[in-house]
Every structure is written in C-alpha cells, then in structure tokens.
C-alpha cells in the first residue's frame, strides 16, 4: 500500500495542534510545576488521536464552510 499525503497531512497537523494546545492549556491549568512536562505529555497522548479524527472530519468540511462564509460576506457587501 502506498502512503498518501491526504492521510499523513491531517495526522501531522493534528500532532502540531495537539502539542501546542495541550501545552498552553496545561500551563494555564497547572502553571510551571515540577511535573509539568509529564502532565503535558499525558495530555498530548490523549489529545492527538482525537485531534487526528477531528482533522479528518474537518478537512473536507472546512473549505466548504469557508466558501459559504466568503460568499455570504461578499454578497452582503454588494
């Protein structure tokens, strides 16, 4: 089976988003504590699979919703 970018890209994007968001939210909730890195790592491991599913679901929907919004805004400007 050949690996396709349409499958890899959402997983990579989800990893980046999960890494950044869990780091920020962990910091907001706990502050910088002695076990911050461990708590952050646990959050990333839990969040990444869910973020990957969300990326696969949102991937096809986002361009369609974007087009609707842009059309609605441009239609309102006329």
PDB file of N, CA and C in Angstrom:
ATOM      1  N   UNK A   1       0.842  -1.177   0.000  1.00  0.00           N
ATOM      2  CA  UNK A   1       0.000   0.000   0.000  1.00  0.00           C
ATOM      3  C   UNK A   1       0.889   1.244   0.000  1.00  0.00           C
ATOM      4  N   UNK A   2       0.542   2.163  -0.835  1.00  0.00           N
ATOM      5  CA  UNK A   2       1.308   3.404  -0.973  1.00  0.00           C
ATOM      6  C   UNK A   2       0.762   4.460  -0.015  1.00  0.00           C
ATOM      7  N   UNK A   3       1.654   5.091   0.722  1.00  0.00           N
ATOM      8  CA  UNK A   3       1.263   6.126   1.670  1.00  0.00           C
ATOM      9  C   UNK A   3       0.911   7.398   0.907  1.00  0.00           C
ATOM     10  N   UNK A   4      -0.245   7.974   1.217  1.00  0.00           N
ATOM     11  CA  UNK A   4      -0.697   9.162   0.512  1.00  0.00           C
ATOM     12  C   UNK A   4      -0.712  10.364   1.449  1.00  0.00           C
ATOM     13  N   UNK A   5      -0.371  11.519   0.872  1.00  0.00           N
ATOM     14  CA  UNK A   5      -0.276  12.727   1.692  1.00  0.00           C
ATOM     15  C   UNK A   5      -1.621  13.121   2.290  1.00  0.00           C
ATOM     16  N   UNK A   6      -2.718  12.768   1.644  1.00  0.00           N
ATOM     17  CA  UNK A   6      -4.024  13.138   2.203  1.00  0.00           C
ATOM     18  C   UNK A   6      -4.308  12.425   3.521  1.00  0.00           C
ATOM     19  N   UNK A   7      -3.582  11.343   3.799  1.00  0.00           N
ATOM     20  CA  UNK A   7      -3.717  10.645   5.078  1.00  0.00           C
ATOM     21  C   UNK A   7      -2.677  11.116   6.088  1.00  0.00           C
ATOM     22  N   UNK A   8      -1.509  11.461   5.620  1.00  0.00           N
ATOM     23  CA  UNK A   8      -0.429  11.858   6.516  1.00  0.00           C
ATOM     24  C   UNK A   8      -0.621  13.300   7.007  1.00  0.00           C
ATOM     25  N   UNK A   9      -1.012  14.198   6.116  1.00  0.00           N
ATOM     26  CA  UNK A   9      -1.125  15.615   6.445  1.00  0.00           C
ATOM     27  C   UNK A   9      -2.053  15.888   7.625  1.00  0.00           C
ATOM     28  N   UNK A  10      -3.266  15.311   7.684  1.00  0.00           N
ATOM     29  CA  UNK A  10      -4.116  15.581   8.860  1.00  0.00           C
ATOM     30  C   UNK A  10      -3.512  15.067  10.171  1.00  0.00           C
ATOM     31  N   UNK A  11      -2.784  13.975  10.103  1.00  0.00           N
ATOM     32  CA  UNK A  11      -2.174  13.431  11.317  1.00  0.00           C
ATOM     33  C   UNK A  11      -1.052  14.346  11.804  1.00  0.00           C
ATOM     34  N   UNK A  12      -0.242  14.844  10.875  1.00  0.00           N
ATOM     35  CA  UNK A  12       0.832  15.771  11.241  1.00  0.00           C
ATOM     36  C   UNK A  12       0.244  17.077  11.777  1.00  0.00           C
ATOM     37  N   UNK A  13      -0.766  17.601  11.090  1.00  0.00           N
ATOM     38  CA  UNK A  13      -1.398  18.835  11.549  1.00  0.00           C
ATOM     39  C   UNK A  13      -2.005  18.642  12.943  1.00  0.00           C
ATOM     40  N   UNK A  14      -2.651  17.517  13.150  1.00  0.00           N
ATOM     41  CA  UNK A  14      -3.246  17.232  14.457  1.00  0.00           C
ATOM     42  C   UNK A  14      -2.173  17.145  15.540  1.00  0.00           C
ATOM     43  N   UNK A  15      -1.034  16.554  15.213  1.00  0.00           N
ATOM     44  CA  UNK A  15       0.053  16.452  16.193  1.00  0.00           C
ATOM     45  C   UNK A  15       0.540  17.834  16.602  1.00  0.00           C
ATOM     46  N   UNK A  16       0.733  18.703  15.621  1.00  0.00           N
ATOM     47  CA  UNK A  16       1.205  20.063  15.912  1.00  0.00           C
ATOM     48  C   UNK A  16       0.175  20.810  16.753  1.00  0.00           C
ATOM     49  N   UNK A  17      -1.084  20.720  16.359  1.00  0.00           N
ATOM     50  CA  UNK A  17      -2.145  21.421  17.092  1.00  0.00           C
ATOM     51  C   UNK A  17      -2.285  20.861  18.515  1.00  0.00           C
ATOM     52  N   UNK A  18      -2.289  19.537  18.647  1.00  0.00           N
ATOM     53  CA  UNK A  18      -2.423  18.926  19.973  1.00  0.00           C
ATOM     54  C   UNK A  18      -1.245  19.314  20.860  1.00  0.00           C
ATOM     55  N   UNK A  19      -0.036  19.309  20.300  1.00  0.00           N
ATOM     56  CA  UNK A  19       1.166  19.670  21.055  1.00  0.00           C
ATOM     57  C   UNK A  19       1.058  21.100  21.578  1.00  0.00           C
ATOM     58  N   UNK A  20       0.693  22.019  20.692  1.00  0.00           N
ATOM     59  CA  UNK A  20       0.621  23.427  21.084  1.00  0.00           C
ATOM     60  C   UNK A  20      -0.521  23.698  22.057  1.00  0.00           C
ATOM     61  N   UNK A  21      -1.691  23.185  21.760  1.00  0.00           N
ATOM     62  CA  UNK A  21      -2.865  23.472  22.591  1.00  0.00           C
ATOM     63  C   UNK A  21      -2.758  22.825  23.971  1.00  0.00           C
ATOM     64  N   UNK A  22      -2.314  21.576  24.022  1.00  0.00           N
ATOM     65  CA  UNK A  22      -2.203  20.935  25.335  1.00  0.00           C
ATOM     66  C   UNK A  22      -1.118  21.594  26.171  1.00  0.00           C
ATOM     67  N   UNK A  23      -0.055  22.051  25.538  1.00  0.00           N
ATOM     68  CA  UNK A  23       0.987  22.768  26.277  1.00  0.00           C
ATOM     69  C   UNK A  23       0.439  24.043  26.897  1.00  0.00           C
ATOM     70  N   UNK A  24      -0.324  24.793  26.106  1.00  0.00           N
ATOM     71  CA  UNK A  24      -0.896  26.044  26.588  1.00  0.00           C
ATOM     72  C   UNK A  24      -1.927  25.795  27.684  1.00  0.00           C
ATOM     73  N   UNK A  25      -2.830  24.854  27.463  1.00  0.00           N
ATOM     74  CA  UNK A  25      -3.885  24.592  28.444  1.00  0.00           C
ATOM     75  C   UNK A  25      -3.300  23.974  29.715  1.00  0.00           C
ATOM     76  N   UNK A  26      -2.309  23.119  29.579  1.00  0.00           N
ATOM     77  CA  UNK A  26      -1.660  22.547  30.763  1.00  0.00           C
ATOM     78  C   UNK A  26      -0.999  23.656  31.569  1.00  0.00           C
ATOM     79  N   UNK A  27      -0.345  24.573  30.885  1.00  0.00           N
ATOM     80  CA  UNK A  27       0.280  25.712  31.568  1.00  0.00           C
ATOM     81  C   UNK A  27      -0.770  26.585  32.266  1.00  0.00           C
ATOM     82  N   UNK A  28      -1.893  26.852  31.565  1.00  0.00           N
ATOM     83  CA  UNK A  28      -2.953  27.644  32.192  1.00  0.00           C
ATOM     84  C   UNK A  28      -3.507  26.970  33.445  1.00  0.00           C
ATOM     85  N   UNK A  29      -3.717  25.676  33.363  1.00  0.00           N
ATOM     86  CA  UNK A  29      -4.330  24.954  34.476  1.00  0.00           C
ATOM     87  C   UNK A  29      -3.381  24.674  35.631  1.00  0.00           C
ATOM     88  N   UNK A  30      -2.141  24.355  35.332  1.00  0.00           N
ATOM     89  CA  UNK A  30      -1.214  23.937  36.381  1.00  0.00           C
ATOM     90  C   UNK A  30      -0.112  24.933  36.677  1.00  0.00           C
ATOM     91  N   UNK A  31       0.206  25.789  35.712  1.00  0.00           N
ATOM     92  CA  UNK A  31       1.405  26.603  35.836  1.00  0.00           C
ATOM     93  C   UNK A  31       2.621  25.730  35.576  1.00  0.00           C
ATOM     94  N   UNK A  32       3.784  26.301  35.751  1.00  0.00           N
ATOM     95  CA  UNK A  32       5.008  25.522  35.557  1.00  0.00           C
ATOM     96  C   UNK A  32       5.328  24.827  36.885  1.00  0.00           C
ATOM     97  N   UNK A  33       4.992  23.566  36.945  1.00  0.00           N
ATOM     98  CA  UNK A  33       5.199  22.756  38.143  1.00  0.00           C
ATOM     99  C   UNK A  33       6.315  21.755  37.878  1.00  0.00           C
ATOM    100  N   UNK A  34       6.800  21.097  38.928  1.00  0.00           N
ATOM    101  CA  UNK A  34       7.860  20.103  38.712  1.00  0.00           C
ATOM    102  C   UNK A  34       7.442  18.976  37.752  1.00  0.00           C
ATOM    103  N   UNK A  35       6.158  18.641  37.732  1.00  0.00           N
ATOM    104  CA  UNK A  35       5.719  17.563  36.835  1.00  0.00           C
ATOM    105  C   UNK A  35       5.010  18.083  35.579  1.00  0.00           C
ATOM    106  N   UNK A  36       5.274  19.339  35.229  1.00  0.00           N
ATOM    107  CA  UNK A  36       4.630  19.946  34.065  1.00  0.00           C
ATOM    108  C   UNK A  36       4.839  19.123  32.800  1.00  0.00           C
ATOM    109  N   UNK A  37       6.064  18.740  32.519  1.00  0.00           N
ATOM    110  CA  UNK A  37       6.365  18.004  31.289  1.00  0.00           C
ATOM    111  C   UNK A  37       5.629  16.665  31.247  1.00  0.00           C
ATOM    112  N   UNK A  38       5.549  15.984  32.379  1.00  0.00           N
ATOM    113  CA  UNK A  38       4.831  14.706  32.430  1.00  0.00           C
ATOM    114  C   UNK A  38       3.342  14.917  32.177  1.00  0.00           C
ATOM    115  N   UNK A  39       2.774  15.925  32.817  1.00  0.00           N
ATOM    116  CA  UNK A  39       1.347  16.204  32.623  1.00  0.00           C
ATOM    117  C   UNK A  39       1.064  16.623  31.176  1.00  0.00           C
ATOM    118  N   UNK A  40       1.952  17.407  30.605  1.00  0.00           N
ATOM    119  CA  UNK A  40       1.804  17.837  29.222  1.00  0.00           C
ATOM    120  C   UNK A  40       1.879  16.631  28.284  1.00  0.00           C
ATOM    121  N   UNK A  41       2.842  15.755  28.531  1.00  0.00           N
ATOM    122  CA  UNK A  41       2.991  14.557  27.698  1.00  0.00           C
ATOM    123  C   UNK A  41       1.738  13.685  27.763  1.00  0.00           C
ATOM    124  N   UNK A  42       1.186  13.526  28.950  1.00  0.00           N
ATOM    125  CA  UNK A  42      -0.055  12.749  29.083  1.00  0.00           C
ATOM    126  C   UNK A  42      -1.188  13.385  28.286  1.00  0.00           C
ATOM    127  N   UNK A  43      -1.281  14.703  28.350  1.00  0.00           N
ATOM    128  CA  UNK A  43      -2.333  15.415  27.623  1.00  0.00           C
ATOM    129  C   UNK A  43      -2.165  15.258  26.115  1.00  0.00           C
ATOM    130  N   UNK A  44      -0.935  15.333  25.630  1.00  0.00           N
ATOM    131  CA  UNK A  44      -0.687  15.180  24.189  1.00  0.00           C
ATOM    132  C   UNK A  44      -1.080  13.777  23.740  1.00  0.00           C
ATOM    133  N   UNK A  45      -0.694  12.774  24.503  1.00  0.00           N
ATOM    134  CA  UNK A  45      -1.010  11.385  24.140  1.00  0.00           C
ATOM    135  C   UNK A  45      -2.517  11.165  24.088  1.00  0.00           C
ATOM    136  N   UNK A  46      -3.248  11.809  24.979  1.00  0.00           N
ATOM    137  CA  UNK A  46      -4.708  11.675  24.975  1.00  0.00           C
ATOM    138  C   UNK A  46      -5.355  12.501  23.867  1.00  0.00           C
ATOM    139  N   UNK A  47      -4.804  13.670  23.592  1.00  0.00           N
ATOM    140  CA  UNK A  47      -5.432  14.597  22.649  1.00  0.00           C
ATOM    141  C   UNK A  47      -5.125  14.275  21.186  1.00  0.00           C
ATOM    142  N   UNK A  48      -3.945  13.745  20.890  1.00  0.00           N
ATOM    143  CA  UNK A  48      -3.544  13.552  19.498  1.00  0.00           C
ATOM    144  C   UNK A  48      -4.488  12.646  18.715  1.00  0.00           C
ATOM    145  N   UNK A  49      -4.890  11.500  19.240  1.00  0.00           N
ATOM    146  CA  UNK A  49      -5.828  10.675  18.460  1.00  0.00           C
ATOM    147  C   UNK A  49      -7.157  11.385  18.175  1.00  0.00           C
ATOM    148  N   UNK A  50      -7.686  12.074  19.161  1.00  0.00           N
ATOM    149  CA  UNK A  50      -8.940  12.801  18.958  1.00  0.00           C
ATOM    150  C   UNK A  50      -8.746  13.937  17.957  1.00  0.00           C
ATOM    151  N   UNK A  51      -7.637  14.633  18.064  1.00  0.00           N
ATOM    152  CA  UNK A  51      -7.344  15.706  17.115  1.00  0.00           C
ATOM    153  C   UNK A  51      -7.179  15.157  15.699  1.00  0.00           C
ATOM    154  N   UNK A  52      -6.617  13.966  15.565  1.00  0.00           N
ATOM    155  CA  UNK A  52      -6.469  13.347  14.246  1.00  0.00           C
ATOM    156  C   UNK A  52      -7.829  13.037  13.630  1.00  0.00           C
ATOM    157  N   UNK A  53      -8.721  12.484  14.419  1.00  0.00           N
ATOM    158  CA  UNK A  53     -10.081  12.215  13.922  1.00  0.00           C
ATOM    159  C   UNK A  53     -10.756  13.529  13.529  1.00  0.00           C
ATOM    160  N   UNK A  54     -10.611  14.528  14.364  1.00  0.00           N
ATOM    161  CA  UNK A  54     -11.208  15.829  14.064  1.00  0.00           C
ATOM    162  C   UNK A  54     -10.641  16.409  12.772  1.00  0.00           C
ATOM    163  N   UNK A  55      -9.345  16.245  12.536  1.00  0.00           N
ATOM    164  CA  UNK A  55      -8.724  16.763  11.318  1.00  0.00           C
ATOM    165  C   UNK A  55      -9.261  16.046  10.084  1.00  0.00           C
ATOM    166  N   UNK A  56      -9.473  14.737  10.175  1.00  0.00           N
ATOM    167  CA  UNK A  56     -10.031  14.001   9.042  1.00  0.00           C
ATOM    168  C   UNK A  56     -11.472  14.422   8.768  1.00  0.00           C
ATOM    169  N   UNK A  57     -12.226  14.708   9.826  1.00  0.00           N
ATOM    170  CA  UNK A  57     -13.623  15.137   9.658  1.00  0.00           C
ATOM    171  C   UNK A  57     -13.673  16.583   9.158  1.00  0.00           C
ATOM    172  N   UNK A  58     -12.878  17.443   9.758  1.00  0.00           N
ATOM    173  CA  UNK A  58     -12.909  18.868   9.416  1.00  0.00           C
ATOM    174  C   UNK A  58     -12.262  19.157   8.068  1.00  0.00           C
ATOM    175  N   UNK A  59     -11.329  18.323   7.650  1.00  0.00           N
ATOM    176  CA  UNK A  59     -10.609  18.561   6.399  1.00  0.00           C
ATOM    177  C   UNK A  59     -11.514  18.828   5.209  1.00  0.00           C
ATOM    178  N   UNK A  60     -12.480  17.965   4.931  1.00  0.00           N
ATOM    179  CA  UNK A  60     -13.376  18.219   3.801  1.00  0.00           C
ATOM    180  C   UNK A  60     -14.416  19.309   4.083  1.00  0.00           C
ATOM    181  N   UNK A  61     -14.773  19.493   5.339  1.00  0.00           N
ATOM    182  CA  UNK A  61     -15.806  20.473   5.677  1.00  0.00           C
ATOM    183  C   UNK A  61     -15.291  21.909   5.665  1.00  0.00           C
ATOM    184  N   UNK A  62     -14.066  22.117   6.096  1.00  0.00           N
ATOM    185  CA  UNK A  62     -13.528  23.470   6.238  1.00  0.00           C
ATOM    186  C   UNK A  62     -13.553  24.269   4.932  1.00  0.00           C
ATOM    187  N   UNK A  63     -13.109  23.724   3.804  1.00  0.00           N
ATOM    188  CA  UNK A  63     -13.173  24.519   2.565  1.00  0.00           C
ATOM    189  C   UNK A  63     -14.602  24.869   2.157  1.00  0.00           C
ATOM    190  N   UNK A  64     -15.529  23.948   2.362  1.00  0.00           N
ATOM    191  CA  UNK A  64     -16.931  24.214   2.012  1.00  0.00           C
ATOM    192  C   UNK A  64     -17.512  25.326   2.882  1.00  0.00           C
ATOM    193  N   UNK A  65     -17.257  25.252   4.177  1.00  0.00           N
ATOM    194  CA  UNK A  65     -17.743  26.294   5.080  1.00  0.00           C
ATOM    195  C   UNK A  65     -17.073  27.631   4.785  1.00  0.00           C
ATOM    196  N   UNK A  66     -15.805  27.588   4.455  1.00  0.00           N
ATOM    197  CA  UNK A  66     -15.089  28.811   4.110  1.00  0.00           C
ATOM    198  C   UNK A  66     -15.717  29.477   2.891  1.00  0.00           C
ATOM    199  N   UNK A  67     -16.006  28.686   1.877  1.00  0.00           N
ATOM    200  CA  UNK A  67     -16.631  29.235   0.671  1.00  0.00           C
ATOM    201  C   UNK A  67     -17.994  29.858   0.978  1.00  0.00           C
ATOM    202  N   UNK A  68     -18.781  29.207   1.800  1.00  0.00           N
ATOM    203  CA  UNK A  68     -20.089  29.755   2.180  1.00  0.00           C
ATOM    204  C   UNK A  68     -19.947  31.091   2.901  1.00  0.00           C
ATOM    205  N   UNK A  69     -19.008  31.153   3.817  1.00  0.00           N
ATOM    206  CA  UNK A  69     -18.799  32.391   4.572  1.00  0.00           C
ATOM    207  C   UNK A  69     -18.328  33.506   3.647  1.00  0.00           C
ATOM    208  N   UNK A  70     -17.371  33.206   2.788  1.00  0.00           N
ATOM    209  CA  UNK A  70     -16.844  34.216   1.874  1.00  0.00           C
ATOM    210  C   UNK A  70     -17.944  34.707   0.933  1.00  0.00           C
ATOM    211  N   UNK A  71     -18.735  33.785   0.411  1.00  0.00           N
ATOM    212  CA  UNK A  71     -19.844  34.186  -0.469  1.00  0.00           C
ATOM    213  C   UNK A  71     -20.852  35.050   0.287  1.00  0.00           C
ATOM    214  N   UNK A  72     -21.162  34.683   1.530  1.00  0.00           N
ATOM    215  CA  UNK A  72     -22.127  35.452   2.322  1.00  0.00           C
ATOM    216  C   UNK A  72     -21.598  36.858   2.610  1.00  0.00           C
ATOM    217  N   UNK A  73     -20.318  36.965   2.925  1.00  0.00           N
ATOM    218  CA  UNK A  73     -19.733  38.276   3.216  1.00  0.00           C
ATOM    219  C   UNK A  73     -19.670  39.127   1.952  1.00  0.00           C
ATOM    220  N   UNK A  74     -19.234  38.533   0.865  1.00  0.00           N
ATOM    221  CA  UNK A  74     -19.155  39.294  -0.388  1.00  0.00           C
ATOM    222  C   UNK A  74     -20.544  39.644  -0.914  1.00  0.00           C
ATOM    223  N   UNK A  75     -21.506  38.769  -0.686  1.00  0.00           N
ATOM    224  CA  UNK A  75     -22.881  39.070  -1.093  1.00  0.00           C
ATOM    225  C   UNK A  75     -23.469  40.221  -0.295  1.00  0.00           C
ATOM    226  N   UNK A  76     -23.075  40.314   0.983  1.00  0.00           N
ATOM    227  CA  UNK A  76     -23.569  41.387   1.848  1.00  0.00           C
ATOM    228  C   UNK A  76     -22.930  42.718   1.501  1.00  0.00           C
ATOM    229  N   UNK A  77     -21.754  42.697   0.892  1.00  0.00           N
ATOM    230  CA  UNK A  77     -21.038  43.928   0.540  1.00  0.00           C
ATOM    231  C   UNK A  77     -21.651  44.590  -0.691  1.00  0.00           C
ATOM    232  N   UNK A  78     -22.306  43.821  -1.533  1.00  0.00           N
ATOM    233  CA  UNK A  78     -22.835  44.370  -2.798  1.00  0.00           C
ATOM    234  C   UNK A  78     -23.985  45.305  -2.581  1.00  0.00           C
TER     235      UNK A  78
END
